[in-house]
Amino acid sequence: SNLSSRHELEIIKASLYLFEFIFITAVGLFIFKMVQQNSEMKKNVQYFLLCHHLLCCSLFSCFGVAYNTIRALAVESPRIVFWIIFGVQVAIGEGVLITLTLMTLTRCFAVCWPFRYISLVHAVKHKVMICVWIITMFKSMCLLLIEGIDKTPEDITMGIILILFLGAIIIVSYCLLWREGKHAGHFNSSTNKARKTILIHGLHLSLFLFPPLIKIAVKRSNFIFNLTAFVVFSLAQCFSPVVYGLRNKELQTKLFNRWLFCHKKVGLTVCSWNSWPPLSTAPNGGGGAEQV
């Protein structure tokens, strides 16, 4: 019974990971294209981090599909393959949380310390992302080579500390944003957009952080608990392109302009097909048009 439940869980995980991968990749490619086509957006650190965050989410789902499909189908493969796939997914999962934290920090710097933000953040953005990728990959691979994929108390403690540390940074950043908004007079009765954004981001981040934190902390868990935690985490990951991407006013404007352009182009194509062949050159059947 326990084996069959685990098998069902692996199948459900692989299916949800596949859905996540398709959705996040589709929306992410659209956002990548919009950012690449706009020189101002390419220079913006928020869009730079957003693209890296969506890339991490997409790769995390991709390796999740591979890992859980192999386990669900009971494919016989060398143990090193499981180690590599699992290690890369863990590293990318940490990258997802770290990029979320960096997005919150840069937003806090931009609002609270705008002059330092321009000189500091723009100068180190590429170096920071390279360091994030190298450190997370190196740490995960070293742990796998030393301990394998079995969890040890030290691994559990490190996972909890990392999530709590990143969560604390995010909470402090949003508290500073909230305080700065109140001091500047943004949070009044006539305009609550900033407050609404902070609440939405806070809810999304709680869905992102609490499921893995609880799952790591709880040693014994059943099928329903594991499935619920995974579904909540998957929903949070699917909402990332919407919460941080499509809710953005600038991206919404670009999307609307692109939709108008495509709609106009399709309309012109349909009109040209409907008017073909032209009336002046249309055949009249040898006896002229029929009168009705």
Protein backbone atom coordinates (compact mmCIF):
# COMPACT_ATOMS: atom_id res chain seq x y z
CA SER A 1 0.00 0.00 0.00
CA ASN A 2 2.82 2.37 0.90
CA LEU A 3 4.62 1.46 -2.32
CA SER A 4 1.52 2.04 -4.46
CA SER A 5 0.88 5.41 -2.78
CA ARG A 6 4.45 6.45 -3.47
CA HIS A 7 4.07 5.34 -7.10
CA GLU A 8 0.85 7.37 -7.46
CA LEU A 9 2.54 10.39 -5.90
CA GLU A 10 5.43 10.17 -8.36
CA ILE A 11 2.98 10.05 -11.30
CA ILE A 12 1.03 13.05 -9.99
CA LYS A 13 4.26 14.98 -9.39
CA ALA A 14 5.53 14.25 -12.90
CA SER A 15 2.20 15.39 -14.40
CA LEU A 16 2.10 18.61 -12.38
CA TYR A 17 5.75 19.33 -13.15
CA LEU A 18 4.97 18.88 -16.87
CA PHE A 19 2.07 21.33 -16.66
CA GLU A 20 4.26 23.80 -14.78
CA PHE A 21 7.03 23.48 -17.34
CA ILE A 22 4.70 24.12 -20.30
CA PHE A 23 2.95 27.09 -18.68
CA ILE A 24 6.01 28.80 -17.19
CA THR A 25 8.08 28.26 -20.34
CA ALA A 26 5.34 29.66 -22.59
CA VAL A 27 4.82 32.78 -20.48
CA GLY A 28 8.56 33.10 -19.81
CA LEU A 29 9.44 33.03 -23.52
CA PHE A 30 6.90 35.75 -24.14
CA ILE A 31 8.36 37.91 -21.35
CA PHE A 32 11.94 37.21 -22.52
CA LYS A 33 11.02 38.36 -26.02
CA MET A 34 9.34 41.52 -24.73
CA VAL A 35 12.38 42.40 -22.60
CA GLN A 36 14.88 41.66 -25.39
CA GLN A 37 13.02 43.90 -27.84
CA ASN A 38 13.05 46.90 -25.49
CA SER A 39 16.39 48.53 -24.68
CA GLU A 40 15.10 50.24 -21.51
CA MET A 41 13.65 47.02 -20.13
CA LYS A 42 16.92 45.18 -20.84
CA LYS A 43 18.77 47.66 -18.61
CA ASN A 44 16.24 47.30 -15.76
CA VAL A 45 17.53 45.05 -12.98
CA GLN A 46 14.02 43.93 -12.04
CA TYR A 47 13.41 42.48 -15.50
CA PHE A 48 16.89 40.95 -15.49
CA LEU A 49 16.12 39.13 -12.23
CA LEU A 50 12.60 38.26 -13.40
CA CYS A 51 14.00 36.51 -16.48
CA HIS A 52 16.47 34.57 -14.31
CA HIS A 53 13.69 33.65 -11.88
CA LEU A 54 11.46 32.34 -14.67
CA LEU A 55 14.41 30.45 -16.14
CA CYS A 56 15.02 28.80 -12.76
CA CYS A 57 11.32 27.91 -12.40
CA SER A 58 11.22 26.41 -15.89
CA LEU A 59 14.42 24.36 -15.38
CA PHE A 60 13.25 23.24 -11.93
CA SER A 61 10.03 21.89 -13.46
CA CYS A 62 11.95 20.27 -16.33
CA PHE A 63 14.27 18.34 -14.01
CA GLY A 64 11.27 17.52 -11.81
CA VAL A 65 9.56 15.89 -14.79
CA ALA A 66 12.69 13.86 -15.55
CA TYR A 67 13.34 12.76 -11.95
CA ASN A 68 9.75 11.78 -11.08
CA THR A 69 9.12 10.12 -14.46
CA ILE A 70 12.17 7.89 -14.00
CA ARG A 71 11.01 6.97 -10.49
CA ALA A 72 7.37 6.43 -11.56
CA LEU A 73 8.29 4.19 -14.48
CA ALA A 74 10.93 2.39 -12.41
CA VAL A 75 13.50 2.88 -15.16
CA GLU A 76 16.73 1.06 -14.43
CA SER A 77 19.56 3.56 -14.71
CA PRO A 78 22.87 4.16 -12.93
CA ARG A 79 22.55 5.71 -9.49
CA ILE A 80 24.75 8.60 -10.60
CA VAL A 81 21.98 9.67 -13.01
CA PHE A 82 19.55 10.07 -10.09
CA TRP A 83 22.18 11.96 -8.15
CA ILE A 84 22.89 14.40 -10.97
CA ILE A 85 19.21 15.08 -11.78
CA PHE A 86 18.30 15.43 -8.11
CA GLY A 87 21.32 17.61 -7.34
CA VAL A 88 20.71 19.97 -10.24
CA GLN A 89 17.03 20.27 -9.33
CA VAL A 90 17.88 21.08 -5.71
CA ALA A 91 20.39 23.72 -6.83
CA ILE A 92 17.88 25.28 -9.22
CA GLY A 93 15.21 25.20 -6.49
CA GLU A 94 17.53 27.20 -4.26
CA GLY A 95 18.09 29.53 -7.22
CA VAL A 96 14.31 30.08 -7.44
CA LEU A 97 14.16 31.23 -3.81
CA ILE A 98 17.36 33.28 -4.08
CA THR A 99 16.17 35.14 -7.20
CA LEU A 100 12.89 35.91 -5.43
CA THR A 101 14.88 37.31 -2.51
CA LEU A 102 17.09 39.38 -4.84
CA MET A 103 14.01 40.77 -6.61
CA THR A 104 12.61 41.88 -3.25
CA LEU A 105 15.95 43.39 -2.19
CA THR A 106 16.38 45.37 -5.41
CA ARG A 107 12.82 46.65 -5.13
CA CYS A 108 13.56 47.75 -1.57
CA PHE A 109 16.82 49.45 -2.62
CA ALA A 110 15.08 51.21 -5.51
CA VAL A 111 12.41 52.70 -3.22
CA CYS A 112 14.33 53.33 0.01
CA TRP A 113 17.80 54.22 -1.33
CA PRO A 114 17.30 55.28 -4.98
CA PHE A 115 20.69 56.99 -5.39
CA ARG A 116 22.71 54.04 -4.10
CA TYR A 117 20.50 51.68 -6.10
CA ILE A 118 21.64 53.08 -9.45
CA SER A 119 25.35 52.86 -8.68
CA LEU A 120 25.40 49.63 -6.68
CA VAL A 121 22.78 47.26 -8.08
CA HIS A 122 23.42 47.91 -11.76
CA ALA A 123 27.16 47.40 -11.28
CA VAL A 124 27.00 43.99 -9.58
CA LYS A 125 23.90 42.31 -11.08
CA HIS A 126 25.80 40.00 -13.47
CA LYS A 127 28.43 39.08 -10.87
CA VAL A 128 25.77 38.28 -8.28
CA MET A 129 23.83 35.97 -10.62
CA ILE A 130 27.00 34.15 -11.69
CA CYS A 131 27.93 33.63 -8.04
CA VAL A 132 24.42 32.37 -7.23
CA TRP A 133 24.55 29.75 -10.00
CA ILE A 134 28.10 28.61 -9.13
CA ILE A 135 27.55 28.41 -5.36
CA THR A 136 24.21 26.57 -5.51
CA MET A 137 25.44 24.05 -8.08
CA PHE A 138 28.75 23.47 -6.27
CA LYS A 139 27.08 23.05 -2.87
CA SER A 140 24.48 20.58 -4.16
CA MET A 141 27.00 18.48 -6.04
CA CYS A 142 29.37 18.34 -3.07
CA LEU A 143 26.58 17.23 -0.73
CA LEU A 144 25.48 14.55 -3.19
CA LEU A 145 28.99 13.20 -3.63
CA ILE A 146 29.48 13.06 0.14
CA GLU A 147 26.06 11.88 1.34
CA GLY A 148 23.99 10.79 -1.68
CA ILE A 149 20.28 11.62 -2.00
CA ASP A 150 19.34 10.42 1.51
CA LYS A 151 18.43 13.20 3.92
CA THR A 152 20.55 13.59 7.03
CA PRO A 153 19.77 15.78 10.07
CA GLU A 154 22.46 18.20 8.91
CA ASP A 155 20.82 18.54 5.48
CA ILE A 156 17.42 19.16 7.07
CA THR A 157 18.87 21.79 9.39
CA MET A 158 20.68 23.54 6.52
CA GLY A 159 17.50 23.56 4.42
CA ILE A 160 15.45 25.07 7.25
CA ILE A 161 18.12 27.70 7.97
CA LEU A 162 18.34 28.70 4.29
CA ILE A 163 14.57 29.08 3.90
CA LEU A 164 14.24 31.00 7.18
CA PHE A 165 17.16 33.26 6.26
CA LEU A 166 15.76 34.10 2.83
CA GLY A 167 12.28 34.51 4.30
CA ALA A 168 13.61 36.93 6.93
CA ILE A 169 15.31 39.04 4.24
CA ILE A 170 12.08 39.16 2.23
CA ILE A 171 9.97 40.11 5.27
CA VAL A 172 12.38 42.88 6.34
CA SER A 173 12.49 44.24 2.76
CA TYR A 174 8.72 44.43 2.51
CA CYS A 175 8.47 46.01 5.96
CA LEU A 176 10.89 48.72 4.80
CA LEU A 177 8.85 49.19 1.62
CA TRP A 178 5.67 49.47 3.67
CA ARG A 179 7.24 52.03 6.03
CA GLU A 180 8.64 54.07 3.14
CA GLY A 181 5.25 54.07 1.45
CA LYS A 182 3.51 55.31 4.59
CA HIS A 183 6.10 58.07 5.08
CA ALA A 184 5.73 59.16 1.45
CA GLY A 185 1.95 59.21 1.71
CA HIS A 186 1.34 56.45 -0.83
CA PHE A 187 -0.90 54.35 1.41
CA ASN A 188 -3.96 56.57 1.71
CA SER A 189 -7.64 55.96 1.06
CA SER A 190 -7.48 57.07 -2.58
CA THR A 191 -4.61 54.88 -3.73
CA ASN A 192 -3.96 51.38 -2.34
CA LYS A 193 -2.17 49.85 -5.32
CA ALA A 194 1.17 49.60 -3.52
CA ARG A 195 -0.45 48.00 -0.47
CA LYS A 196 -2.32 45.54 -2.68
CA THR A 197 0.91 44.62 -4.48
CA ILE A 198 2.73 43.97 -1.21
CA LEU A 199 -0.14 41.81 0.07
CA ILE A 200 -0.23 39.77 -3.16
CA HIS A 201 3.54 39.30 -3.11
CA GLY A 202 3.41 38.36 0.57
CA LEU A 203 0.71 35.74 -0.03
CA HIS A 204 2.60 34.32 -2.99
CA LEU A 205 5.87 34.15 -1.08
CA SER A 206 4.18 32.45 1.87
CA LEU A 207 2.84 29.78 -0.51
CA PHE A 208 6.36 29.46 -1.90
CA LEU A 209 8.22 29.21 1.40
CA PHE A 210 5.93 27.39 3.84
CA PRO A 211 5.32 24.09 1.94
CA PRO A 212 9.03 23.20 1.53
CA LEU A 213 9.77 24.46 5.05
CA ILE A 214 7.03 22.28 6.59
CA LYS A 215 7.96 19.30 4.42
CA ILE A 216 11.61 19.54 5.46
CA ALA A 217 10.74 19.99 9.15
CA VAL A 218 8.18 17.17 9.38
CA LYS A 219 9.93 13.81 9.43
CA ARG A 220 6.88 11.56 9.12
CA SER A 221 4.25 12.47 6.54
CA ASN A 222 1.52 10.63 4.66
CA PHE A 223 0.34 10.66 1.07
CA ILE A 224 -2.24 13.43 1.54
CA PHE A 225 0.23 15.69 3.33
CA ASN A 226 2.91 15.29 0.67
CA LEU A 227 0.42 15.80 -2.15
CA THR A 228 -1.11 18.91 -0.56
CA ALA A 229 2.28 20.50 0.09
CA PHE A 230 3.41 19.77 -3.45
CA VAL A 231 0.20 21.12 -5.04
CA VAL A 232 0.44 24.37 -3.03
CA PHE A 233 4.09 24.79 -3.99
CA SER A 234 3.29 24.04 -7.66
CA LEU A 235 0.50 26.63 -7.72
CA ALA A 236 2.84 29.22 -6.22
CA GLN A 237 5.44 28.45 -8.86
CA CYS A 238 2.85 28.69 -11.67
CA PHE A 239 1.70 32.07 -10.36
CA SER A 240 5.24 33.52 -10.47
CA PRO A 241 5.04 34.67 -14.13
CA VAL A 242 1.68 36.28 -13.38
CA VAL A 243 2.50 37.90 -10.03
CA TYR A 244 5.89 39.32 -11.02
CA GLY A 245 5.48 39.51 -14.80
CA LEU A 246 2.01 39.92 -16.26
CA ARG A 247 0.81 42.14 -13.39
CA ASN A 248 3.53 44.64 -14.30
CA LYS A 249 2.01 47.74 -15.86
CA GLU A 250 4.75 48.15 -18.46
CA LEU A 251 4.48 44.53 -19.57
CA GLN A 252 0.69 44.86 -19.70
CA THR A 253 1.05 47.87 -22.00
CA LYS A 254 3.45 45.98 -24.26
CA LEU A 255 1.11 43.00 -24.28
CA PHE A 256 -1.88 45.17 -25.18
CA ASN A 257 0.04 46.86 -28.00
CA ARG A 258 1.18 43.46 -29.30
CA TRP A 259 -2.41 42.19 -29.17
CA LEU A 260 -3.65 45.24 -31.10
CA PHE A 261 -0.92 44.76 -33.71
CA CYS A 262 -1.72 41.06 -34.15
CA HIS A 263 -5.46 41.75 -34.23
CA LYS A 264 -5.00 44.44 -36.88
CA LYS A 265 -2.69 42.19 -38.91
CA VAL A 266 -5.16 39.29 -38.78
CA GLY A 267 -7.98 41.64 -39.75
CA LEU A 268 -6.08 42.92 -42.77
CA THR A 269 -5.26 39.35 -43.82
CA VAL A 270 -8.91 38.30 -43.57
CA CYS A 271 -10.04 41.35 -45.54
CA SER A 272 -7.49 40.69 -48.28
CA TRP A 273 -8.65 37.08 -48.60
CA ASN A 274 -12.32 38.10 -48.64
CA SER A 275 -11.71 40.62 -51.43
CA TRP A 276 -9.78 38.13 -53.62
CA PRO A 277 -10.09 38.03 -56.58
CA PRO A 278 -10.77 41.75 -57.19
CA LEU A 279 -14.17 42.59 -58.66
CA SER A 280 -12.64 44.22 -61.74
CA THR A 281 -10.81 41.01 -62.72
CA ALA A 282 -13.37 38.46 -61.49
CA PRO A 283 -14.74 36.17 -64.20
CA ASN A 284 -18.28 37.00 -65.29
CA GLY A 285 -19.13 33.53 -66.62
CA GLY A 286 -19.21 34.77 -70.25
CA GLY A 287 -22.65 36.29 -69.97
CA GLY A 288 -22.29 38.97 -67.38
CA ALA A 289 -23.38 38.93 -63.77
CA GLU A 290 -26.72 37.42 -62.95
CA GLN A 291 -29.36 39.98 -62.04
CA VAL A 292 -31.46 39.24 -58.96
